[in-house]
Amino acid sequence: MIHEATVFRLADEAAQQAFGLIGAQDMDSVLPPLFDMPGADEAVPLRGVLAHAAYDEAWIPDMLAGRAMDEVGRDAYDGDLLGDDPHAGYARIAERARAAAARVTDRDAVVHCGYGDVPMWDYFWQLNVARSLAAHDVARHLGAESPLTEELAQAMWEGTAPSADMWRSFGIFRAEVRVADDAPWRARYLGLTGRRY
């Protein structure tokens, strides 16, 4: 498994852990926006967050296999993917995504995203950032501890710190929150993204 896919597994597992905290009574609770980018800057009920995450996960095996969205059918994963048991529905989709990631051997293979082609490693970092921040924000919104492990946080910091200004220019990272140089990796990564530990 390539490094970026290994980080994806950690980030995806953290996201699933956080989503597992969402109870039936929480589904209508509104999560503040994860990002400040246009189109992603609206607060969404947690049911919507979970549904969007499932939709995103459902596309991953096709994307990693080099298929274009038009080839698969842009409406292939429209509709309710979660069913009567949202957590079980999400778990099935996430398991397929992680299995597909584990089979990736070429980090420079082309992924045909809806906005254009990118190398595999770049696609994985987009997934990893989205999942790690969703995991943290959902857990903290629900009053739980962040599920970001030190292993995941260190990998995320090392993978995104060199390009942090780019992530900020897209509205994905916010203004950096300074932390001590010897702070835990979770604090360093969250600070890099504009979040507090």
Foldseek 3Di string as FASTA:
>chain_A
DDPLLVLLVLLLVLLLVLLVVQDPVQQQPWFQFLFDAPPRRHIDGSVVVLQVLLLVLQCQLCQLVQHACVRCPVCNSDDGQCPPHNSVSSVVSNVVNSVSSVPDDFQQDWGQDPVGIDGNSVVSLVSSLVSQSSSQRSQVVVVHHRSQDLVSLQSNCVVCVVPLVVCVVNRNADQAQDDDPPDGSNQRSCRSRVHHD
